[in-house]
Amino acid sequence: VTVVAPEPLPLVRVLGERMGEVFRDLHAEQG
């Protein structure tokens, strides 16, 4: 799986940068 998006972080428009980092790292740890 590869995820492509123009934003700098996942879910950043809804949750902001700090929480976006949580979801980015979660998915990265899962490959």
Full PDB file with SEQRES, HELIX, SHEET, SSBOND, CRYST1, ORIGX, SCALE, CONECT and MASTER records, all heavy atoms in Angstrom:
SEQRES   1 A   31  VAL THR VAL VAL ALA PRO GLU PRO LEU PRO LEU VAL ARG          
SEQRES   2 A   31  VAL LEU GLY GLU ARG MET GLY GLU VAL PHE ARG ASP LEU          
SEQRES   3 A   31  HIS ALA GLU GLN GLY                                          
HELIX    1 AA1 VAL A   12  GLU A   29  1                                  18    
CRYST1    1.000    1.000    1.000  90.00  90.00  90.00 P 1           1          
ORIGX1      1.000000  0.000000  0.000000        0.00000                         
ORIGX2      0.000000  1.000000  0.000000        0.00000                         
ORIGX3      0.000000  0.000000  1.000000        0.00000                         
SCALE1      1.000000  0.000000  0.000000        0.00000                         
SCALE2      0.000000  1.000000  0.000000        0.00000                         
SCALE3      0.000000  0.000000  1.000000        0.00000                         
ATOM      1  N   VAL A   1       0.828  -1.211   0.000  1.00  0.00           N  
ATOM      2  CA  VAL A   1       0.000   0.000   0.000  1.00  0.00           C  
ATOM      3  C   VAL A   1       0.858   1.256   0.000  1.00  0.00           C  
ATOM      4  O   VAL A   1       1.766   1.406   0.821  1.00  0.00           O  
ATOM      5  CB  VAL A   1      -0.939   0.040   1.226  1.00  0.00           C  
ATOM      6  CG1 VAL A   1      -1.793   1.306   1.203  1.00  0.00           C  
ATOM      7  CG2 VAL A   1      -1.822  -1.203   1.259  1.00  0.00           C  
ATOM      8  N   THR A   2       0.530   2.165  -0.921  1.00  0.00           N  
ATOM      9  CA  THR A   2       1.088   3.515  -0.920  1.00  0.00           C  
ATOM     10  C   THR A   2      -0.075   4.498  -0.889  1.00  0.00           C  
ATOM     11  O   THR A   2      -1.050   4.335  -1.626  1.00  0.00           O  
ATOM     12  CB  THR A   2       1.928   3.776  -2.182  1.00  0.00           C  
ATOM     13  OG1 THR A   2       2.998   2.825  -2.233  1.00  0.00           O  
ATOM     14  CG2 THR A   2       2.510   5.184  -2.162  1.00  0.00           C  
ATOM     15  N   VAL A   3       0.025   5.500  -0.028  1.00  0.00           N  
ATOM     16  CA  VAL A   3      -1.003   6.540   0.056  1.00  0.00           C  
ATOM     17  C   VAL A   3      -0.416   7.837  -0.481  1.00  0.00           C  
ATOM     18  O   VAL A   3       0.650   8.281  -0.036  1.00  0.00           O  
ATOM     19  CB  VAL A   3      -1.506   6.741   1.493  1.00  0.00           C  
ATOM     20  CG1 VAL A   3      -2.571   7.844   1.529  1.00  0.00           C  
ATOM     21  CG2 VAL A   3      -2.082   5.447   2.039  1.00  0.00           C  
ATOM     22  N   VAL A   4      -1.133   8.441  -1.431  1.00  0.00           N  
ATOM     23  CA  VAL A   4      -0.714   9.698  -2.061  1.00  0.00           C  
ATOM     24  C   VAL A   4      -1.696  10.787  -1.661  1.00  0.00           C  
ATOM     25  O   VAL A   4      -2.922  10.593  -1.733  1.00  0.00           O  
ATOM     26  CB  VAL A   4      -0.703   9.558  -3.596  1.00  0.00           C  
ATOM     27  CG1 VAL A   4      -0.324  10.884  -4.247  1.00  0.00           C  
ATOM     28  CG2 VAL A   4       0.238   8.441  -4.016  1.00  0.00           C  
ATOM     29  N   ALA A   5      -1.179  11.938  -1.244  1.00  0.00           N  
ATOM     30  CA  ALA A   5      -2.060  13.055  -0.888  1.00  0.00           C  
ATOM     31  C   ALA A   5      -1.285  14.355  -0.971  1.00  0.00           C  
ATOM     32  O   ALA A   5      -0.081  14.388  -0.693  1.00  0.00           O  
ATOM     33  CB  ALA A   5      -2.628  12.880   0.520  1.00  0.00           C  
ATOM     34  N   PRO A   6      -1.950  15.459  -1.345  1.00  0.00           N  
ATOM     35  CA  PRO A   6      -1.256  16.744  -1.430  1.00  0.00           C  
ATOM     36  C   PRO A   6      -0.959  17.361  -0.077  1.00  0.00           C  
ATOM     37  O   PRO A   6      -0.096  18.240   0.016  1.00  0.00           O  
ATOM     38  CB  PRO A   6      -2.235  17.610  -2.237  1.00  0.00           C  
ATOM     39  CG  PRO A   6      -3.579  17.003  -1.979  1.00  0.00           C  
ATOM     40  CD  PRO A   6      -3.338  15.526  -1.839  1.00  0.00           C  
ATOM     41  N   GLU A   7      -1.664  16.934   0.966  1.00  0.00           N  
ATOM     42  CA  GLU A   7      -1.434  17.512   2.295  1.00  0.00           C  
ATOM     43  C   GLU A   7      -0.132  16.989   2.895  1.00  0.00           C  
ATOM     44  O   GLU A   7       0.354  15.915   2.520  1.00  0.00           O  
ATOM     45  CB  GLU A   7      -2.605  17.172   3.228  1.00  0.00           C  
ATOM     46  CG  GLU A   7      -3.943  17.746   2.816  1.00  0.00           C  
ATOM     47  CD  GLU A   7      -4.644  16.907   1.777  1.00  0.00           C  
ATOM     48  OE1 GLU A   7      -4.216  15.738   1.547  1.00  0.00           O  
ATOM     49  OE2 GLU A   7      -5.616  17.407   1.167  1.00  0.00           O  
ATOM     50  N   PRO A   8       0.421  17.709   3.867  1.00  0.00           N  
ATOM     51  CA  PRO A   8       1.673  17.265   4.485  1.00  0.00           C  
ATOM     52  C   PRO A   8       1.499  16.119   5.461  1.00  0.00           C  
ATOM     53  O   PRO A   8       2.478  15.446   5.803  1.00  0.00           O  
ATOM     54  CB  PRO A   8       2.170  18.525   5.205  1.00  0.00           C  
ATOM     55  CG  PRO A   8       0.927  19.304   5.507  1.00  0.00           C  
ATOM     56  CD  PRO A   8       0.009  19.061   4.344  1.00  0.00           C  
ATOM     57  N   LEU A   9       0.254  15.888   5.926  1.00  0.00           N  
ATOM     58  CA  LEU A   9      -0.017  14.838   6.908  1.00  0.00           C  
ATOM     59  C   LEU A   9      -1.420  14.293   6.668  1.00  0.00           C  
ATOM     60  O   LEU A   9      -2.296  15.016   6.164  1.00  0.00           O  
ATOM     61  CB  LEU A   9       0.063  15.390   8.332  1.00  0.00           C  
ATOM     62  CG  LEU A   9       1.441  15.745   8.868  1.00  0.00           C  
ATOM     63  CD1 LEU A   9       1.314  16.601  10.124  1.00  0.00           C  
ATOM     64  CD2 LEU A   9       2.257  14.482   9.163  1.00  0.00           C  
ATOM     65  N   PRO A  10      -1.680  13.042   7.047  1.00  0.00           N  
ATOM     66  CA  PRO A  10      -3.048  12.541   6.950  1.00  0.00           C  
ATOM     67  C   PRO A  10      -3.963  13.258   7.933  1.00  0.00           C  
ATOM     68  O   PRO A  10      -3.537  13.642   9.036  1.00  0.00           O  
ATOM     69  CB  PRO A  10      -2.907  11.056   7.308  1.00  0.00           C  
ATOM     70  CG  PRO A  10      -1.676  10.984   8.142  1.00  0.00           C  
ATOM     71  CD  PRO A  10      -0.758  12.030   7.574  1.00  0.00           C  
ATOM     72  N   LEU A  11      -5.194  13.465   7.523  1.00  0.00           N  
ATOM     73  CA  LEU A  11      -6.253  14.004   8.387  1.00  0.00           C  
ATOM     74  C   LEU A  11      -5.935  15.384   8.955  1.00  0.00           C  
ATOM     75  O   LEU A  11      -6.562  15.835   9.904  1.00  0.00           O  
ATOM     76  CB  LEU A  11      -6.539  13.027   9.544  1.00  0.00           C  
ATOM     77  CG  LEU A  11      -6.971  11.627   9.090  1.00  0.00           C  
ATOM     78  CD1 LEU A  11      -6.875  10.642  10.245  1.00  0.00           C  
ATOM     79  CD2 LEU A  11      -8.379  11.663   8.522  1.00  0.00           C  
ATOM     80  N   VAL A  12      -4.981  16.071   8.360  1.00  0.00           N  
ATOM     81  CA  VAL A  12      -4.523  17.332   8.942  1.00  0.00           C  
ATOM     82  C   VAL A  12      -5.606  18.404   8.898  1.00  0.00           C  
ATOM     83  O   VAL A  12      -5.671  19.264   9.797  1.00  0.00           O  
ATOM     84  CB  VAL A  12      -3.223  17.808   8.249  1.00  0.00           C  
ATOM     85  CG1 VAL A  12      -3.493  18.208   6.797  1.00  0.00           C  
ATOM     86  CG2 VAL A  12      -2.564  18.941   9.023  1.00  0.00           C  
ATOM     87  N   ARG A  13      -6.474  18.365   7.912  1.00  0.00           N  
ATOM     88  CA  ARG A  13      -7.514  19.388   7.827  1.00  0.00           C  
ATOM     89  C   ARG A  13      -8.556  19.232   8.922  1.00  0.00           C  
ATOM     90  O   ARG A  13      -9.226  20.200   9.290  1.00  0.00           O  
ATOM     91  CB  ARG A  13      -8.203  19.313   6.457  1.00  0.00           C  
ATOM     92  CG  ARG A  13      -7.291  19.677   5.293  1.00  0.00           C  
ATOM     93  CD  ARG A  13      -8.030  19.557   3.984  1.00  0.00           C  
ATOM     94  NE  ARG A  13      -7.173  19.868   2.842  1.00  0.00           N  
ATOM     95  CZ  ARG A  13      -7.545  19.769   1.577  1.00  0.00           C  
ATOM     96  NH1 ARG A  13      -8.780  19.354   1.297  1.00  0.00           N  
ATOM     97  NH2 ARG A  13      -6.711  20.067   0.605  1.00  0.00           N  
ATOM     98  N   VAL A  14      -8.698  18.026   9.435  1.00  0.00           N  
ATOM     99  CA  VAL A  14      -9.690  17.751  10.478  1.00  0.00           C  
ATOM    100  C   VAL A  14      -9.073  17.804  11.866  1.00  0.00           C  
ATOM    101  O   VAL A  14      -9.641  18.383  12.797  1.00  0.00           O  
ATOM    102  CB  VAL A  14     -10.333  16.370  10.251  1.00  0.00           C  
ATOM    103  CG1 VAL A  14     -11.391  16.079  11.314  1.00  0.00           C  
ATOM    104  CG2 VAL A  14     -10.940  16.277   8.869  1.00  0.00           C  
ATOM    105  N   LEU A  15      -7.889  17.207  12.007  1.00  0.00           N  
ATOM    106  CA  LEU A  15      -7.300  17.011  13.330  1.00  0.00           C  
ATOM    107  C   LEU A  15      -6.094  17.894  13.614  1.00  0.00           C  
ATOM    108  O   LEU A  15      -5.667  17.971  14.770  1.00  0.00           O  
ATOM    109  CB  LEU A  15      -6.881  15.543  13.494  1.00  0.00           C  
ATOM    110  CG  LEU A  15      -7.981  14.495  13.313  1.00  0.00           C  
ATOM    111  CD1 LEU A  15      -7.392  13.096  13.492  1.00  0.00           C  
ATOM    112  CD2 LEU A  15      -9.121  14.726  14.285  1.00  0.00           C  
ATOM    113  N   GLY A  16      -5.524  18.532  12.590  1.00  0.00           N  
ATOM    114  CA  GLY A  16      -4.333  19.342  12.813  1.00  0.00           C  
ATOM    115  C   GLY A  16      -3.060  18.517  12.747  1.00  0.00           C  
ATOM    116  O   GLY A  16      -3.077  17.288  12.609  1.00  0.00           O  
ATOM    117  N   GLU A  17      -1.935  19.195  12.858  1.00  0.00           N  
ATOM    118  CA  GLU A  17      -0.636  18.564  12.628  1.00  0.00           C  
ATOM    119  C   GLU A  17      -0.284  17.518  13.688  1.00  0.00           C  
ATOM    120  O   GLU A  17       0.192  16.428  13.365  1.00  0.00           O  
ATOM    121  CB  GLU A  17       0.455  19.639  12.581  1.00  0.00           C  
ATOM    122  CG  GLU A  17       0.355  20.551  11.366  1.00  0.00           C  
ATOM    123  CD  GLU A  17       1.500  21.541  11.290  1.00  0.00           C  
ATOM    124  OE1 GLU A  17       2.408  21.472  12.160  1.00  0.00           O  
ATOM    125  OE2 GLU A  17       1.496  22.378  10.376  1.00  0.00           O  
ATOM    126  N   ARG A  18      -0.503  17.838  14.952  1.00  0.00           N  
ATOM    127  CA  ARG A  18      -0.060  16.933  16.014  1.00  0.00           C  
ATOM    128  C   ARG A  18      -0.765  15.579  15.919  1.00  0.00           C  
ATOM    129  O   ARG A  18      -0.142  14.522  16.030  1.00  0.00           O  
ATOM    130  CB  ARG A  18      -0.305  17.568  17.377  1.00  0.00           C  
ATOM    131  CG  ARG A  18       0.394  16.853  18.526  1.00  0.00           C  
ATOM    132  CD  ARG A  18       0.233  17.637  19.800  1.00  0.00           C  
ATOM    133  NE  ARG A  18       0.940  17.028  20.902  1.00  0.00           N  
ATOM    134  CZ  ARG A  18       0.835  17.432  22.173  1.00  0.00           C  
ATOM    135  NH1 ARG A  18       0.058  18.469  22.468  1.00  0.00           N  
ATOM    136  NH2 ARG A  18       1.498  16.810  23.124  1.00  0.00           N  
ATOM    137  N   MET A  19      -2.079  15.589  15.700  1.00  0.00           N  
ATOM    138  CA  MET A  19      -2.808  14.330  15.582  1.00  0.00           C  
ATOM    139  C   MET A  19      -2.578  13.683  14.220  1.00  0.00           C  
ATOM    140  O   MET A  19      -2.608  12.463  14.096  1.00  0.00           O  
ATOM    141  CB  MET A  19      -4.304  14.564  15.817  1.00  0.00           C  
ATOM    142  CG  MET A  19      -4.639  14.995  17.225  1.00  0.00           C  
ATOM    143  SD  MET A  19      -4.105  13.819  18.501  1.00  0.00           S  
ATOM    144  CE  MET A  19      -2.857  14.802  19.364  1.00  0.00           C  
ATOM    145  N   GLY A  20      -2.337  14.501  13.190  1.00  0.00           N  
ATOM    146  CA  GLY A  20      -1.994  13.940  11.895  1.00  0.00           C  
ATOM    147  C   GLY A  20      -0.729  13.100  11.971  1.00  0.00           C  
ATOM    148  O   GLY A  20      -0.617  12.050  11.313  1.00  0.00           O  
ATOM    149  N   GLU A  21       0.227  13.524  12.772  1.00  0.00           N  
ATOM    150  CA  GLU A  21       1.460  12.749  12.959  1.00  0.00           C  
ATOM    151  C   GLU A  21       1.176  11.397  13.599  1.00  0.00           C  
ATOM    152  O   GLU A  21       1.838  10.389  13.278  1.00  0.00           O  
ATOM    153  CB  GLU A  21       2.439  13.549  13.813  1.00  0.00           C  
ATOM    154  CG  GLU A  21       3.005  14.775  13.103  1.00  0.00           C  
ATOM    155  CD  GLU A  21       3.829  15.663  14.032  1.00  0.00           C  
ATOM    156  OE1 GLU A  21       3.846  15.382  15.262  1.00  0.00           O  
ATOM    157  OE2 GLU A  21       4.439  16.625  13.535  1.00  0.00           O  
ATOM    158  N   VAL A  22       0.206  11.346  14.495  1.00  0.00           N  
ATOM    159  CA  VAL A  22      -0.150  10.077  15.137  1.00  0.00           C  
ATOM    160  C   VAL A  22      -0.605   9.072  14.081  1.00  0.00           C  
ATOM    161  O   VAL A  22      -0.163   7.906  14.075  1.00  0.00           O  
ATOM    162  CB  VAL A  22      -1.261  10.294  16.191  1.00  0.00           C  
ATOM    163  CG1 VAL A  22      -1.798   8.958  16.699  1.00  0.00           C  
ATOM    164  CG2 VAL A  22      -0.740  11.135  17.351  1.00  0.00           C  
ATOM    165  N   PHE A  23      -1.479   9.492  13.174  1.00  0.00           N  
ATOM    166  CA  PHE A  23      -1.982   8.575  12.159  1.00  0.00           C  
ATOM    167  C   PHE A  23      -0.932   8.272  11.100  1.00  0.00           C  
ATOM    168  O   PHE A  23      -0.884   7.147  10.574  1.00  0.00           O  
ATOM    169  CB  PHE A  23      -3.263   9.132  11.543  1.00  0.00           C  
ATOM    170  CG  PHE A  23      -4.454   8.985  12.442  1.00  0.00           C  
ATOM    171  CD1 PHE A  23      -4.774   9.960  13.374  1.00  0.00           C  
ATOM    172  CD2 PHE A  23      -5.254   7.847  12.372  1.00  0.00           C  
ATOM    173  CE1 PHE A  23      -5.871   9.813  14.215  1.00  0.00           C  
ATOM    174  CE2 PHE A  23      -6.341   7.691  13.208  1.00  0.00           C  
ATOM    175  CZ  PHE A  23      -6.660   8.675  14.137  1.00  0.00           C  
ATOM    176  N   ARG A  24      -0.092   9.236  10.767  1.00  0.00           N  
ATOM    177  CA  ARG A  24       1.008   8.950   9.836  1.00  0.00           C  
ATOM    178  C   ARG A  24       1.910   7.849  10.387  1.00  0.00           C  
ATOM    179  O   ARG A  24       2.231   6.873   9.693  1.00  0.00           O  
ATOM    180  CB  ARG A  24       1.826  10.219   9.599  1.00  0.00           C  
ATOM    181  CG  ARG A  24       3.031  10.022   8.667  1.00  0.00           C  
ATOM    182  CD  ARG A  24       4.025  11.142   8.842  1.00  0.00           C  
ATOM    183  NE  ARG A  24       4.541  11.218  10.215  1.00  0.00           N  
ATOM    184  CZ  ARG A  24       5.219  12.249  10.718  1.00  0.00           C  
ATOM    185  NH1 ARG A  24       5.438  13.317   9.961  1.00  0.00           N  
ATOM    186  NH2 ARG A  24       5.666  12.220  11.966  1.00  0.00           N  
ATOM    187  N   ASP A  25       2.309   7.975  11.642  1.00  0.00           N  
ATOM    188  CA  ASP A  25       3.219   6.997  12.238  1.00  0.00           C  
ATOM    189  C   ASP A  25       2.553   5.639  12.413  1.00  0.00           C  
ATOM    190  O   ASP A  25       3.188   4.592  12.226  1.00  0.00           O  
ATOM    191  CB  ASP A  25       3.722   7.515  13.594  1.00  0.00           C  
ATOM    192  CG  ASP A  25       4.562   8.781  13.459  1.00  0.00           C  
ATOM    193  OD1 ASP A  25       4.975   9.098  12.321  1.00  0.00           O  
ATOM    194  OD2 ASP A  25       4.784   9.459  14.481  1.00  0.00           O  
ATOM    195  N   LEU A  26       1.270   5.644  12.759  1.00  0.00           N  
ATOM    196  CA  LEU A  26       0.533   4.389  12.897  1.00  0.00           C  
ATOM    197  C   LEU A  26       0.585   3.582  11.607  1.00  0.00           C  
ATOM    198  O   LEU A  26       0.908   2.386  11.604  1.00  0.00           O  
ATOM    199  CB  LEU A  26      -0.925   4.693  13.266  1.00  0.00           C  
ATOM    200  CG  LEU A  26      -1.912   3.531  13.198  1.00  0.00           C  
ATOM    201  CD1 LEU A  26      -1.666   2.549  14.333  1.00  0.00           C  
ATOM    202  CD2 LEU A  26      -3.346   4.053  13.234  1.00  0.00           C  
ATOM    203  N   HIS A  27       0.283   4.221  10.488  1.00  0.00           N  
ATOM    204  CA  HIS A  27       0.271   3.517   9.212  1.00  0.00           C  
ATOM    205  C   HIS A  27       1.673   3.132   8.762  1.00  0.00           C  
ATOM    206  O   HIS A  27       1.870   2.043   8.200  1.00  0.00           O  
ATOM    207  CB  HIS A  27      -0.413   4.375   8.147  1.00  0.00           C  
ATOM    208  CG  HIS A  27      -1.895   4.371   8.252  1.00  0.00           C  
ATOM    209  ND1 HIS A  27      -2.689   3.486   7.570  1.00  0.00           N  
ATOM    210  CD2 HIS A  27      -2.747   5.143   8.985  1.00  0.00           C  
ATOM    211  CE1 HIS A  27      -3.961   3.708   7.861  1.00  0.00           C  
ATOM    212  NE2 HIS A  27      -4.022   4.721   8.703  1.00  0.00           N  
ATOM    213  N   ALA A  28       2.641   3.996   9.011  1.00  0.00           N  
ATOM    214  CA  ALA A  28       4.020   3.673   8.630  1.00  0.00           C  
ATOM    215  C   ALA A  28       4.507   2.424   9.361  1.00  0.00           C  
ATOM    216  O   ALA A  28       5.177   1.565   8.770  1.00  0.00           O  
ATOM    217  CB  ALA A  28       4.931   4.862   8.924  1.00  0.00           C  
ATOM    218  N   GLU A  29       4.144   2.296  10.635  1.00  0.00           N  
ATOM    219  CA  GLU A  29       4.536   1.115  11.406  1.00  0.00           C  
ATOM    220  C   GLU A  29       3.912  -0.162  10.856  1.00  0.00           C  
ATOM    221  O   GLU A  29       4.439  -1.261  11.040  1.00  0.00           O  
ATOM    222  CB  GLU A  29       4.134   1.287  12.873  1.00  0.00           C  
ATOM    223  CG  GLU A  29       4.948   2.330  13.612  1.00  0.00           C  
ATOM    224  CD  GLU A  29       4.382   2.638  14.989  1.00  0.00           C  
ATOM    225  OE1 GLU A  29       3.498   1.873  15.450  1.00  0.00           O  
ATOM    226  OE2 GLU A  29       4.813   3.632  15.594  1.00  0.00           O  
ATOM    227  N   GLN A  30       2.786  -0.018  10.162  1.00  0.00           N  
ATOM    228  CA  GLN A  30       2.100  -1.172   9.589  1.00  0.00           C  
ATOM    229  C   GLN A  30       2.511  -1.433   8.139  1.00  0.00           C  
ATOM    230  O   GLN A  30       1.931  -2.296   7.472  1.00  0.00           O  
ATOM    231  CB  GLN A  30       0.591  -0.964   9.665  1.00  0.00           C  
ATOM    232  CG  GLN A  30       0.046  -0.875  11.083  1.00  0.00           C  
ATOM    233  CD  GLN A  30       0.146  -2.179  11.831  1.00  0.00           C  
ATOM    234  OE1 GLN A  30       0.123  -3.256  11.229  1.00  0.00           O  
ATOM    235  NE2 GLN A  30       0.263  -2.111  13.154  1.00  0.00           N  
ATOM    236  N   GLY A  31       3.499  -0.681   7.662  1.00  0.00           N  
ATOM    237  CA  GLY A  31       4.043  -0.958   6.341  1.00  0.00           C  
ATOM    238  C   GLY A  31       3.502  -0.112   5.207  1.00  0.00           C  
ATOM    239  O   GLY A  31       3.819  -0.358   4.038  1.00  0.00           O  
TER     240      GLY A  31                                                      
MASTER        0    0    0    1    0    0    0    6  239    1    0    3          
END                                                                             
